[in-house]
C-alpha atoms as a PDB file:
ATOM      1  CA  MET A   1     -29.459   7.532 -20.525  1.00  0.00           C
ATOM      2  CA  THR A   2     -30.518   6.312 -17.087  1.00  0.00           C
ATOM      3  CA  ALA A   3     -33.286   3.710 -17.143  1.00  0.00           C
ATOM      4  CA  PRO A   4     -36.437   4.267 -15.011  1.00  0.00           C
ATOM      5  CA  THR A   5     -36.155   2.592 -11.605  1.00  0.00           C
ATOM      6  CA  SER A   6     -38.949   0.137 -12.433  1.00  0.00           C
ATOM      7  CA  GLU A   7     -37.007  -1.149 -15.457  1.00  0.00           C
ATOM      8  CA  ARG A   8     -33.688  -1.676 -13.731  1.00  0.00           C
ATOM      9  CA  PRO A   9     -32.664  -5.169 -12.632  1.00  0.00           C
ATOM     10  CA  ALA A  10     -32.105  -5.628  -8.892  1.00  0.00           C
ATOM     11  CA  LEU A  11     -28.517  -5.646  -7.650  1.00  0.00           C
ATOM     12  CA  THR A  12     -27.260  -6.208  -4.119  1.00  0.00           C
ATOM     13  CA  ILE A  13     -23.852  -4.667  -3.469  1.00  0.00           C
ATOM     14  CA  HIS A  14     -21.968  -6.394  -0.662  1.00  0.00           C
ATOM     15  CA  LEU A  15     -19.660  -3.688   0.657  1.00  0.00           C
ATOM     16  CA  CYS A  16     -16.539  -5.042   2.350  1.00  0.00           C
ATOM     17  CA  ALA A  17     -15.466  -3.517   5.641  1.00  0.00           C
ATOM     18  CA  PRO A  18     -12.768  -2.667   6.430  1.00  0.00           C
ATOM     19  CA  ARG A  19     -11.770  -1.210   3.062  1.00  0.00           C
ATOM     20  CA  GLY A  20      -9.899   1.788   1.702  1.00  0.00           C
ATOM     21  CA  PHE A  21      -7.460   4.028   3.536  1.00  0.00           C
ATOM     22  CA  CYS A  22      -5.313   2.496   6.260  1.00  0.00           C
ATOM     23  CA  ALA A  23      -3.645   4.492   9.030  1.00  0.00           C
ATOM     24  CA  GLY A  24      -0.306   4.635   7.194  1.00  0.00           C
ATOM     25  CA  VAL A  25      -1.870   6.007   3.999  1.00  0.00           C
ATOM     26  CA  ASP A  26      -3.985   8.501   5.922  1.00  0.00           C
ATOM     27  CA  ARG A  27      -0.882   9.709   7.773  1.00  0.00           C
ATOM     28  CA  ALA A  28       1.151  10.058   4.566  1.00  0.00           C
ATOM     29  CA  ILE A  29      -1.522  12.153   2.849  1.00  0.00           C
ATOM     30  CA  GLN A  30      -1.885  14.306   5.964  1.00  0.00           C
ATOM     31  CA  ILE A  31       1.861  14.924   5.953  1.00  0.00           C
ATOM     32  CA  VAL A  32       1.725  16.342   2.427  1.00  0.00           C
ATOM     33  CA  GLU A  33      -1.371  18.435   3.130  1.00  0.00           C
ATOM     34  CA  LEU A  34      -0.043  19.815   6.419  1.00  0.00           C
ATOM     35  CA  ALA A  35       3.365  20.546   4.883  1.00  0.00           C
ATOM     36  CA  LEU A  36       1.640  22.579   2.170  1.00  0.00           C
ATOM     37  CA  GLU A  37      -0.400  24.384   4.804  1.00  0.00           C
ATOM     38  CA  LYS A  38       2.619  25.101   7.005  1.00  0.00           C
ATOM     39  CA  TYR A  39       5.337  25.832   4.452  1.00  0.00           C
ATOM     40  CA  GLY A  40       3.331  26.881   1.404  1.00  0.00           C
ATOM     41  CA  ARG A  41       3.730  25.619  -2.144  1.00  0.00           C
ATOM     42  CA  PRO A  42       5.524  23.917  -3.672  1.00  0.00           C
ATOM     43  CA  VAL A  43       6.264  20.879  -1.554  1.00  0.00           C
ATOM     44  CA  TYR A  44       8.152  18.108  -3.325  1.00  0.00           C
ATOM     45  CA  VAL A  45       7.309  14.436  -2.902  1.00  0.00           C
ATOM     46  CA  ARG A  46       9.721  11.677  -3.901  1.00  0.00           C
ATOM     47  CA  HIS A  47       7.654   9.001  -5.686  1.00  0.00           C
ATOM     48  CA  GLU A  48       3.849   8.814  -5.451  1.00  0.00           C
ATOM     49  CA  ILE A  49       2.987   9.431  -1.804  1.00  0.00           C
ATOM     50  CA  VAL A  50       0.619   6.448  -2.109  1.00  0.00           C
ATOM     51  CA  HIS A  51      -0.241   4.403  -5.182  1.00  0.00           C
ATOM     52  CA  ASN A  52      -3.433   6.116  -6.282  1.00  0.00           C
ATOM     53  CA  LYS A  53      -3.711   8.535  -9.205  1.00  0.00           C
ATOM     54  CA  PHE A  54      -6.797  10.268  -7.812  1.00  0.00           C
ATOM     55  CA  VAL A  55      -4.975  11.044  -4.554  1.00  0.00           C
ATOM     56  CA  VAL A  56      -1.783  12.140  -6.309  1.00  0.00           C
ATOM     57  CA  ASP A  57      -3.642  14.373  -8.758  1.00  0.00           C
ATOM     58  CA  GLY A  58      -5.544  15.972  -5.869  1.00  0.00           C
ATOM     59  CA  LEU A  59      -2.304  16.790  -4.069  1.00  0.00           C
ATOM     60  CA  LYS A  60      -0.834  18.197  -7.267  1.00  0.00           C
ATOM     61  CA  THR A  61      -3.676  20.704  -7.476  1.00  0.00           C
ATOM     62  CA  LYS A  62      -2.841  21.811  -3.923  1.00  0.00           C
ATOM     63  CA  GLY A  63       0.804  22.443  -4.803  1.00  0.00           C
ATOM     64  CA  ALA A  64       2.659  19.142  -4.411  1.00  0.00           C
ATOM     65  CA  ILE A  65       5.236  18.296  -7.079  1.00  0.00           C
ATOM     66  CA  PHE A  66       6.116  14.628  -7.524  1.00  0.00           C
ATOM     67  CA  VAL A  67       9.570  13.467  -8.583  1.00  0.00           C
ATOM     68  CA  GLU A  68      11.234  10.077  -8.733  1.00  0.00           C
ATOM     69  CA  GLU A  69      14.682  11.265  -7.663  1.00  0.00           C
ATOM     70  CA  LEU A  70      15.954  14.201  -5.605  1.00  0.00           C
ATOM     71  CA  GLU A  71      18.144  15.376  -8.464  1.00  0.00           C
ATOM     72  CA  GLU A  72      14.970  16.268 -10.397  1.00  0.00           C
ATOM     73  CA  ILE A  73      14.230  19.087  -7.932  1.00  0.00           C
ATOM     74  CA  PRO A  74      15.397  22.388  -9.488  1.00  0.00           C
ATOM     75  CA  ALA A  75      18.332  24.072  -7.766  1.00  0.00           C
ATOM     76  CA  ALA A  76      16.151  27.123  -7.110  1.00  0.00           C
ATOM     77  CA  ASP A  77      13.766  24.946  -5.064  1.00  0.00           C
ATOM     78  CA  ARG A  78      16.322  22.968  -3.067  1.00  0.00           C
ATOM     79  CA  GLU A  79      15.238  24.823   0.078  1.00  0.00           C
ATOM     80  CA  ARG A  80      11.644  23.616  -0.290  1.00  0.00           C
ATOM     81  CA  PRO A  81      10.471  20.666   1.833  1.00  0.00           C
ATOM     82  CA  VAL A  82      10.707  17.213   0.283  1.00  0.00           C
ATOM     83  CA  ILE A  83       8.621  14.281   1.508  1.00  0.00           C
ATOM     84  CA  PHE A  84       9.452  10.587   1.231  1.00  0.00           C
ATOM     85  CA  SER A  85       6.543   8.311   0.279  1.00  0.00           C
ATOM     86  CA  ALA A  86       4.662   5.906   2.541  1.00  0.00           C
ATOM     87  CA  HIS A  87       6.488   2.948   0.966  1.00  0.00           C
ATOM     88  CA  GLY A  88       9.829   3.863   2.541  1.00  0.00           C
ATOM     89  CA  VAL A  89      13.167   4.648   0.930  1.00  0.00           C
ATOM     90  CA  PRO A  90      16.686   3.206   0.978  1.00  0.00           C
ATOM     91  CA  LYS A  91      19.045   4.782   3.516  1.00  0.00           C
ATOM     92  CA  ALA A  92      20.923   6.381   0.636  1.00  0.00           C
ATOM     93  CA  VAL A  93      17.980   8.718  -0.052  1.00  0.00           C
ATOM     94  CA  PRO A  94      17.965  10.695   3.228  1.00  0.00           C
ATOM     95  CA  GLU A  95      21.774  10.683   3.094  1.00  0.00           C
ATOM     96  CA  ASP A  96      21.538  12.243  -0.373  1.00  0.00           C
ATOM     97  CA  ALA A  97      19.038  14.809   0.915  1.00  0.00           C
ATOM     98  CA  ARG A  98      21.371  15.796   3.743  1.00  0.00           C
ATOM     99  CA  SER A  99      24.283  16.142   1.345  1.00  0.00           C
ATOM    100  CA  ARG A 100      22.154  18.552  -0.710  1.00  0.00           C
ATOM    101  CA  ASN A 101      21.237  20.476   2.459  1.00  0.00           C
ATOM    102  CA  MET A 102      17.537  19.647   1.975  1.00  0.00           C
ATOM    103  CA  PHE A 103      14.816  19.720   4.606  1.00  0.00           C
ATOM    104  CA  PHE A 104      12.841  16.477   4.402  1.00  0.00           C
ATOM    105  CA  LEU A 105       9.884  14.814   6.056  1.00  0.00           C
ATOM    106  CA  ASP A 106       9.582  11.038   6.151  1.00  0.00           C
ATOM    107  CA  ALA A 107       6.060   9.717   5.453  1.00  0.00           C
ATOM    108  CA  THR A 108       7.149   6.068   5.595  1.00  0.00           C
ATOM    109  CA  CYS A 109       4.393   3.967   7.158  1.00  0.00           C
ATOM    110  CA  PRO A 110       5.451   3.081  10.720  1.00  0.00           C
ATOM    111  CA  LEU A 111       4.713  -0.581   9.979  1.00  0.00           C
ATOM    112  CA  VAL A 112       7.204  -0.458   7.094  1.00  0.00           C
ATOM    113  CA  SER A 113       9.706   1.250   9.395  1.00  0.00           C
ATOM    114  CA  LYS A 114       9.199  -1.682  11.785  1.00  0.00           C
ATOM    115  CA  VAL A 115      10.375  -4.069   9.052  1.00  0.00           C
ATOM    116  CA  HIS A 116      13.390  -1.818   8.395  1.00  0.00           C
ATOM    117  CA  LYS A 117      14.339  -2.030  12.083  1.00  0.00           C
ATOM    118  CA  GLU A 118      13.940  -5.805  12.065  1.00  0.00           C
ATOM    119  CA  ALA A 119      16.322  -6.032   9.102  1.00  0.00           C
ATOM    120  CA  GLU A 120      18.893  -3.913  10.928  1.00  0.00           C
ATOM    121  CA  ILE A 121      18.616  -6.040  14.079  1.00  0.00           C
ATOM    122  CA  HIS A 122      19.107  -9.268  12.108  1.00  0.00           C
ATOM    123  CA  HIS A 123      22.115  -7.709  10.387  1.00  0.00           C
ATOM    124  CA  ARG A 124      23.663  -6.648  13.697  1.00  0.00           C
ATOM    125  CA  ARG A 125      23.181 -10.183  14.991  1.00  0.00           C
ATOM    126  CA  GLU A 126      24.977 -11.473  11.891  1.00  0.00           C
ATOM    127  CA  ARG A 127      22.047 -13.401  10.496  1.00  0.00           C
ATOM    128  CA  GLU A 128      21.554 -14.079   6.793  1.00  0.00           C
ATOM    129  CA  ILE A 129      18.369 -12.272   5.811  1.00  0.00           C
ATOM    130  CA  LEU A 130      15.591 -13.284   3.412  1.00  0.00           C
ATOM    131  CA  LEU A 131      12.938 -10.784   2.344  1.00  0.00           C
ATOM    132  CA  ILE A 132       9.631 -12.188   1.072  1.00  0.00           C
ATOM    133  CA  GLY A 133       8.250  -9.668  -1.392  1.00  0.00           C
ATOM    134  CA  HIS A 134       7.876  -8.509  -4.991  1.00  0.00           C
ATOM    135  CA  ALA A 135      10.905  -7.366  -6.978  1.00  0.00           C
ATOM    136  CA  GLY A 136      10.802  -3.725  -8.020  1.00  0.00           C
ATOM    137  CA  HIS A 137       8.138  -2.636  -5.558  1.00  0.00           C
ATOM    138  CA  PRO A 138       9.177   0.613  -3.798  1.00  0.00           C
ATOM    139  CA  GLU A 139       8.724  -0.956  -0.366  1.00  0.00           C
ATOM    140  CA  VAL A 140      11.030  -3.827  -1.257  1.00  0.00           C
ATOM    141  CA  ILE A 141      13.603  -1.441  -2.724  1.00  0.00           C
ATOM    142  CA  GLY A 142      13.435   0.633   0.452  1.00  0.00           C
ATOM    143  CA  THR A 143      13.754  -2.355   2.788  1.00  0.00           C
ATOM    144  CA  MET A 144      16.662  -3.923   0.913  1.00  0.00           C
ATOM    145  CA  GLY A 145      18.262  -0.488   0.827  1.00  0.00           C
ATOM    146  CA  GLN A 146      18.508  -0.344   4.608  1.00  0.00           C
ATOM    147  CA  LEU A 147      21.503  -2.671   4.481  1.00  0.00           C
ATOM    148  CA  PRO A 148      24.623  -3.030   2.337  1.00  0.00           C
ATOM    149  CA  SER A 149      24.074  -4.387  -1.183  1.00  0.00           C
ATOM    150  CA  GLY A 150      23.928  -8.174  -1.312  1.00  0.00           C
ATOM    151  CA  THR A 151      22.987  -8.505   2.357  1.00  0.00           C
ATOM    152  CA  VAL A 152      19.320  -9.386   1.731  1.00  0.00           C
ATOM    153  CA  THR A 153      18.036 -12.139  -0.576  1.00  0.00           C
ATOM    154  CA  LEU A 154      14.620 -11.598  -2.152  1.00  0.00           C
ATOM    155  CA  ILE A 155      12.192 -14.532  -2.139  1.00  0.00           C
ATOM    156  CA  GLU A 156       9.110 -14.020  -4.345  1.00  0.00           C
ATOM    157  CA  THR A 157       7.590 -17.489  -4.648  1.00  0.00           C
ATOM    158  CA  GLU A 158       7.517 -20.951  -3.096  1.00  0.00           C
ATOM    159  CA  ALA A 159       9.803 -22.037  -5.952  1.00  0.00           C
ATOM    160  CA  ASP A 160      12.311 -19.398  -4.835  1.00  0.00           C
ATOM    161  CA  ALA A 161      12.071 -20.730  -1.286  1.00  0.00           C
ATOM    162  CA  LEU A 162      12.664 -24.288  -2.501  1.00  0.00           C
ATOM    163  CA  GLY A 163      15.662 -23.264  -4.599  1.00  0.00           C
ATOM    164  CA  PHE A 164      17.297 -20.935  -2.083  1.00  0.00           C
ATOM    165  CA  GLN A 165      20.774 -21.903  -0.937  1.00  0.00           C
ATOM    166  CA  PRO A 166      22.295 -20.072   2.031  1.00  0.00           C
ATOM    167  CA  LYS A 167      25.377 -18.025   1.215  1.00  0.00           C
ATOM    168  CA  THR A 168      26.854 -18.528   4.678  1.00  0.00           C
ATOM    169  CA  ASP A 169      26.622 -20.851   7.660  1.00  0.00           C
ATOM    170  CA  ARG A 170      25.057 -18.096   9.733  1.00  0.00           C
ATOM    171  CA  GLN A 171      21.556 -18.342  11.188  1.00  0.00           C
ATOM    172  CA  LEU A 172      18.776 -17.433   8.750  1.00  0.00           C
ATOM    173  CA  ALA A 173      16.017 -14.892   9.373  1.00  0.00           C
ATOM    174  CA  PHE A 174      13.123 -13.717   7.231  1.00  0.00           C
ATOM    175  CA  ILE A 175      11.112 -10.515   6.965  1.00  0.00           C
ATOM    176  CA  THR A 176       8.266  -9.675   4.589  1.00  0.00           C
ATOM    177  CA  GLN A 177       6.788  -6.872   2.548  1.00  0.00           C
ATOM    178  CA  THR A 178       3.740  -5.500   4.403  1.00  0.00           C
ATOM    179  CA  THR A 179       1.233  -5.726   1.521  1.00  0.00           C
ATOM    180  CA  LEU A 180       1.471  -9.361   0.444  1.00  0.00           C
ATOM    181  CA  SER A 181      -1.183 -12.033   0.095  1.00  0.00           C
ATOM    182  CA  VAL A 182      -1.487 -13.607   3.536  1.00  0.00           C
ATOM    183  CA  ASP A 183      -2.048 -17.084   2.056  1.00  0.00           C
ATOM    184  CA  ASP A 184       0.774 -16.854  -0.496  1.00  0.00           C
ATOM    185  CA  THR A 185       3.185 -15.692   2.170  1.00  0.00           C
ATOM    186  CA  ALA A 186       2.138 -18.478   4.521  1.00  0.00           C
ATOM    187  CA  GLY A 187       2.988 -21.004   1.795  1.00  0.00           C
ATOM    188  CA  ILE A 188       6.437 -19.512   1.289  1.00  0.00           C
ATOM    189  CA  VAL A 189       7.081 -19.412   5.032  1.00  0.00           C
ATOM    190  CA  ASP A 190       6.020 -23.065   5.369  1.00  0.00           C
ATOM    191  CA  VAL A 191       8.596 -24.053   2.749  1.00  0.00           C
ATOM    192  CA  LEU A 192      11.338 -22.077   4.476  1.00  0.00           C
ATOM    193  CA  ARG A 193      10.502 -23.532   7.881  1.00  0.00           C
ATOM    194  CA  GLN A 194      10.462 -27.064   6.527  1.00  0.00           C
ATOM    195  CA  ARG A 195      13.883 -26.567   4.943  1.00  0.00           C
ATOM    196  CA  PHE A 196      15.363 -24.441   7.732  1.00  0.00           C
ATOM    197  CA  PRO A 197      13.637 -25.254  11.056  1.00  0.00           C
ATOM    198  CA  ASP A 198      15.779 -22.752  12.973  1.00  0.00           C
ATOM    199  CA  ILE A 199      14.973 -19.770  10.736  1.00  0.00           C
ATOM    200  CA  VAL A 200      14.080 -16.691  12.782  1.00  0.00           C
ATOM    201  CA  ALA A 201      10.616 -15.242  12.110  1.00  0.00           C
ATOM    202  CA  PRO A 202       9.358 -11.726  12.869  1.00  0.00           C
ATOM    203  CA  HIS A 203       8.292 -11.264  16.503  1.00  0.00           C
ATOM    204  CA  LYS A 204       5.011  -9.911  15.146  1.00  0.00           C
ATOM    205  CA  GLU A 205       3.536 -10.505  11.684  1.00  0.00           C
ATOM    206  CA  ASP A 206       5.112  -8.175   9.102  1.00  0.00           C
ATOM    207  CA  ILE A 207       2.068  -8.172   6.806  1.00  0.00           C
ATOM    208  CA  CYS A 208       0.194  -5.171   8.123  1.00  0.00           C
ATOM    209  CA  TYR A 209      -3.132  -5.273   9.918  1.00  0.00           C
ATOM    210  CA  ALA A 210      -4.870  -3.377   7.098  1.00  0.00           C
ATOM    211  CA  THR A 211      -3.715  -5.790   4.402  1.00  0.00           C
ATOM    212  CA  THR A 212      -4.856  -8.763   6.493  1.00  0.00           C
ATOM    213  CA  ASN A 213      -8.207  -7.217   7.415  1.00  0.00           C
ATOM    214  CA  ARG A 214      -9.066  -6.262   3.844  1.00  0.00           C
ATOM    215  CA  GLN A 215      -8.204  -9.716   2.564  1.00  0.00           C
ATOM    216  CA  GLU A 216     -10.342 -11.367   5.255  1.00  0.00           C
ATOM    217  CA  ALA A 217     -13.318  -9.186   4.315  1.00  0.00           C
ATOM    218  CA  VAL A 218     -12.906 -10.153   0.655  1.00  0.00           C
ATOM    219  CA  LYS A 219     -12.759 -13.840   1.588  1.00  0.00           C
ATOM    220  CA  ALA A 220     -16.084 -13.459   3.401  1.00  0.00           C
ATOM    221  CA  VAL A 221     -17.808 -11.732   0.474  1.00  0.00           C
ATOM    222  CA  ALA A 222     -16.279 -13.260  -2.676  1.00  0.00           C
ATOM    223  CA  PRO A 223     -17.949 -16.728  -2.471  1.00  0.00           C
ATOM    224  CA  GLU A 224     -21.381 -15.088  -2.127  1.00  0.00           C
ATOM    225  CA  VAL A 225     -21.372 -12.747  -5.149  1.00  0.00           C
ATOM    226  CA  ASP A 226     -21.500 -12.962  -8.944  1.00  0.00           C
ATOM    227  CA  ALA A 227     -18.710 -10.434  -9.464  1.00  0.00           C
ATOM    228  CA  MET A 228     -16.181  -8.467  -7.440  1.00  0.00           C
ATOM    229  CA  ILE A 229     -14.660  -5.017  -7.887  1.00  0.00           C
ATOM    230  CA  VAL A 230     -11.526  -3.880  -6.106  1.00  0.00           C
ATOM    231  CA  VAL A 231     -11.093  -0.128  -6.309  1.00  0.00           C
ATOM    232  CA  GLY A 232      -7.402   0.602  -6.634  1.00  0.00           C
ATOM    233  CA  ALA A 233      -4.445   1.338  -8.868  1.00  0.00           C
ATOM    234  CA  PRO A 234      -2.634  -1.293 -10.958  1.00  0.00           C
ATOM    235  CA  ASN A 235       0.676  -0.429  -9.236  1.00  0.00           C
ATOM    236  CA  SER A 236      -0.877  -0.879  -5.775  1.00  0.00           C
ATOM    237  CA  SER A 237       0.379  -4.173  -4.349  1.00  0.00           C
ATOM    238  CA  ASN A 238      -2.328  -4.499  -1.698  1.00  0.00           C
ATOM    239  CA  SER A 239      -5.060  -3.806  -4.287  1.00  0.00           C
ATOM    240  CA  GLN A 240      -3.697  -6.415  -6.701  1.00  0.00           C
ATOM    241  CA  ARG A 241      -3.601  -8.939  -3.882  1.00  0.00           C
ATOM    242  CA  LEU A 242      -7.263  -8.237  -3.037  1.00  0.00           C
ATOM    243  CA  ARG A 243      -8.302  -9.075  -6.593  1.00  0.00           C
ATOM    244  CA  GLU A 244      -6.294 -12.310  -6.468  1.00  0.00           C
ATOM    245  CA  VAL A 245      -7.797 -13.215  -3.090  1.00  0.00           C
ATOM    246  CA  ALA A 246     -11.305 -12.717  -4.490  1.00  0.00           C
ATOM    247  CA  GLU A 247     -10.599 -15.057  -7.405  1.00  0.00           C
ATOM    248  CA  ARG A 248      -9.171 -17.733  -5.154  1.00  0.00           C
ATOM    249  CA  ALA A 249     -12.124 -17.412  -2.792  1.00  0.00           C
ATOM    250  CA  GLY A 250     -14.479 -18.350  -5.602  1.00  0.00           C
ATOM    251  CA  CYS A 251     -15.369 -15.181  -7.486  1.00  0.00           C
ATOM    252  CA  THR A 252     -13.855 -15.677 -10.930  1.00  0.00           C
ATOM    253  CA  THR A 253     -15.227 -12.370 -12.250  1.00  0.00           C
ATOM    254  CA  SER A 254     -12.982 -10.104 -10.200  1.00  0.00           C
ATOM    255  CA  HIS A 255     -11.653  -6.805 -11.515  1.00  0.00           C
ATOM    256  CA  LEU A 256      -9.285  -4.103 -10.330  1.00  0.00           C
ATOM    257  CA  ILE A 257     -10.780  -0.743 -11.324  1.00  0.00           C
ATOM    258  CA  GLN A 258      -9.452   2.766 -10.714  1.00  0.00           C
ATOM    259  CA  ARG A 259     -12.566   4.842 -11.500  1.00  0.00           C
ATOM    260  CA  ALA A 260     -16.200   4.290 -12.463  1.00  0.00           C
ATOM    261  CA  SER A 261     -15.338   5.468 -15.976  1.00  0.00           C
ATOM    262  CA  ASP A 262     -13.086   2.397 -16.329  1.00  0.00           C
ATOM    263  CA  ILE A 263     -15.928  -0.110 -15.857  1.00  0.00           C
ATOM    264  CA  ASP A 264     -16.489  -2.464 -18.790  1.00  0.00           C
ATOM    265  CA  TRP A 265     -20.230  -3.009 -18.411  1.00  0.00           C
ATOM    266  CA  ASN A 266     -20.134  -6.157 -20.545  1.00  0.00           C
ATOM    267  CA  GLU A 267     -18.221  -7.822 -17.710  1.00  0.00           C
ATOM    268  CA  PHE A 268     -21.127  -7.213 -15.324  1.00  0.00           C
ATOM    269  CA  SER A 269     -24.145  -8.063 -17.457  1.00  0.00           C
ATOM    270  CA  GLY A 270     -26.675 -10.354 -15.818  1.00  0.00           C
ATOM    271  CA  ILE A 271     -25.310 -10.131 -12.280  1.00  0.00           C
ATOM    272  CA  SER A 272     -27.587  -9.852  -9.254  1.00  0.00           C
ATOM    273  CA  SER A 273     -24.897  -9.470  -6.594  1.00  0.00           C
ATOM    274  CA  LEU A 274     -21.618  -7.540  -6.537  1.00  0.00           C
ATOM    275  CA  GLY A 275     -18.805  -7.493  -4.011  1.00  0.00           C
ATOM    276  CA  LEU A 276     -17.059  -4.146  -3.598  1.00  0.00           C
ATOM    277  CA  THR A 277     -13.896  -3.238  -1.722  1.00  0.00           C
ATOM    278  CA  ALA A 278     -11.013  -0.793  -2.013  1.00  0.00           C
ATOM    279  CA  GLY A 279      -7.275  -1.072  -1.578  1.00  0.00           C
ATOM    280  CA  ALA A 280      -5.573   0.705   1.302  1.00  0.00           C
ATOM    281  CA  SER A 281      -4.596   3.678  -0.883  1.00  0.00           C
ATOM    282  CA  ALA A 282      -8.030   4.206  -2.499  1.00  0.00           C
ATOM    283  CA  PRO A 283     -10.269   6.961  -1.059  1.00  0.00           C
ATOM    284  CA  GLU A 284     -13.898   6.297  -0.154  1.00  0.00           C
ATOM    285  CA  THR A 285     -15.109   8.813  -2.716  1.00  0.00           C
ATOM    286  CA  LEU A 286     -14.079   6.385  -5.481  1.00  0.00           C
ATOM    287  CA  VAL A 287     -16.114   3.607  -3.846  1.00  0.00           C
ATOM    288  CA  GLU A 288     -19.126   5.931  -3.752  1.00  0.00           C
ATOM    289  CA  GLU A 289     -18.522   6.762  -7.415  1.00  0.00           C
ATOM    290  CA  ILE A 290     -18.680   3.056  -8.324  1.00  0.00           C
ATOM    291  CA  ILE A 291     -21.910   2.568  -6.357  1.00  0.00           C
ATOM    292  CA  ALA A 292     -23.464   5.568  -8.103  1.00  0.00           C
ATOM    293  CA  ALA A 293     -22.484   4.201 -11.523  1.00  0.00           C
ATOM    294  CA  PHE A 294     -24.220   0.882 -10.779  1.00  0.00           C
ATOM    295  CA  ALA A 295     -27.233   2.728  -9.378  1.00  0.00           C
ATOM    296  CA  ASP A 296     -27.692   4.336 -12.808  1.00  0.00           C
ATOM    297  CA  ARG A 297     -28.174   0.875 -14.314  1.00  0.00           C
ATOM    298  CA  TYR A 298     -29.540  -1.257 -11.496  1.00  0.00           C
ATOM    299  CA  SER A 299     -31.974  -0.985  -8.630  1.00  0.00           C
ATOM    300  CA  VAL A 300     -29.261  -1.093  -6.002  1.00  0.00           C
ATOM    301  CA  SER A 301     -29.351  -2.131  -2.363  1.00  0.00           C
ATOM    302  CA  VAL A 302     -26.164  -1.986  -0.304  1.00  0.00           C
ATOM    303  CA  GLU A 303     -25.258  -4.390   2.488  1.00  0.00           C
ATOM    304  CA  THR A 304     -22.088  -3.917   4.531  1.00  0.00           C
ATOM    305  CA  VAL A 305     -20.145  -7.043   5.483  1.00  0.00           C
ATOM    306  CA  ARG A 306     -17.842  -6.156   8.370  1.00  0.00           C
ATOM    307  CA  THR A 307     -15.185  -8.627   9.520  1.00  0.00           C
ATOM    308  CA  ALA A 308     -13.016  -6.355  11.711  1.00  0.00           C
ATOM    309  CA  GLU A 309     -12.894  -2.967  13.427  1.00  0.00           C
ATOM    310  CA  GLU A 310      -9.914  -0.657  12.902  1.00  0.00           C
ATOM    311  CA  THR A 311      -8.966   2.059  15.384  1.00  0.00           C
ATOM    312  CA  ILE A 312      -5.235   2.433  14.690  1.00  0.00           C
ATOM    313  CA  ALA A 313      -3.790   5.914  14.107  1.00  0.00           C
ATOM    314  CA  PHE A 314      -0.164   7.002  13.769  1.00  0.00           C
ATOM    315  CA  ASN A 315       1.516  10.157  15.034  1.00  0.00           C
ATOM    316  CA  LEU A 316       2.583  12.854  12.595  1.00  0.00           C
ATOM    317  CA  PRO A 317       6.221  13.997  12.383  1.00  0.00           C
ATOM    318  CA  ARG A 318       7.229  16.415  15.139  1.00  0.00           C
ATOM    319  CA  GLU A 319       7.834  19.222  12.632  1.00  0.00           C
ATOM    320  CA  LEU A 320       4.172  19.211  11.610  1.00  0.00           C
ATOM    321  CA  ARG A 321       2.890  19.300  15.190  1.00  0.00           C
ATOM    322  CA  GLU A 322       4.801  22.489  15.948  1.00  0.00           C
ATOM    323  CA  ALA A 323       3.620  26.055  15.376  1.00  0.00           C
ATOM    324  CA  PRO A 324       3.631  27.273  11.736  1.00  0.00           C
ATOM    325  CA  THR A 325       6.893  28.638  10.437  1.00  0.00           C
ATOM    326  CA  GLN A 326       8.722  29.129   7.168  1.00  0.00           C
ATOM    327  CA  ALA A 327      10.376  26.090   5.638  1.00  0.00           C
ATOM    328  CA  PRO A 328      13.830  25.429   7.085  1.00  0.00           C
ATOM    329  CA  THR A 329      16.677  26.013   4.681  1.00  0.00           C
ATOM    330  CA  ALA A 330      18.750  23.034   5.761  1.00  0.00           C
ATOM    331  CA  ALA A 331      18.263  19.420   6.711  1.00  0.00           C
ATOM    332  CA  GLU A 332      17.822  18.865  10.428  1.00  0.00           C
END
């Protein structure tokens, strides 16, 4: 039962900005929605289009079917469009789709595709490649899968960087996952540069603008609040990093929460200030849901703390900018 306003304790919510959807996530979701609009249902999506259950469930209701591998798509539906997730896929996946005569759309974030191209350039120039990232993450699997097996060495920690021994006498180069902790990655890079002064770095930072901006906003808010909530999924790398950044910035009560229904209110008893942000794959409606849940228990005021402006947008695939038509029956 909601307490009368006069009986509720005061709570200031410091709302981080930027937060939530980045341009790559927005583009990926648009690709699924426009494919459904253009080609009808079902449209298949390999892996979660972005790491957020609310988003995925919403697309399911519109007619998207999610699979982990192409072989899961029934033979009767092999002519239906299939979409690759924003995280990117190994080269073997589109090759497999072509061999099955499938029509596919690639929703890989352009900033992830940039890392793929960097890896290919280093390989062509016969450099030994290190990838800073987290084992098992779809983006890492996709990036390592751009090149022959064994070509790329994964570095997850500073300890990995200290223990790494080159396999060849070729020049070293490093690339990174786009959703890492900026500070953690800087530490790993420092170790690599100290050990290998000639190592080739990306021409432009691989960690994406959205990851960096959201972490900077959290750093500005976390030291000023009693508790911090990051809205996001547990399998979302950028959301997990935001929670870690908040803790390191001084807010020890920092939680990753998917929905308002997941809030453990015992964790937030006695607070007078709350930091609130959202990972790059979490929609704003979930942030509003969290604010509403606190407003049922507190007399809430909301202050926005903005540390950057974002105006980036990415083009949609050519197929979705053309006039509506029936789904092609073969890969193009």
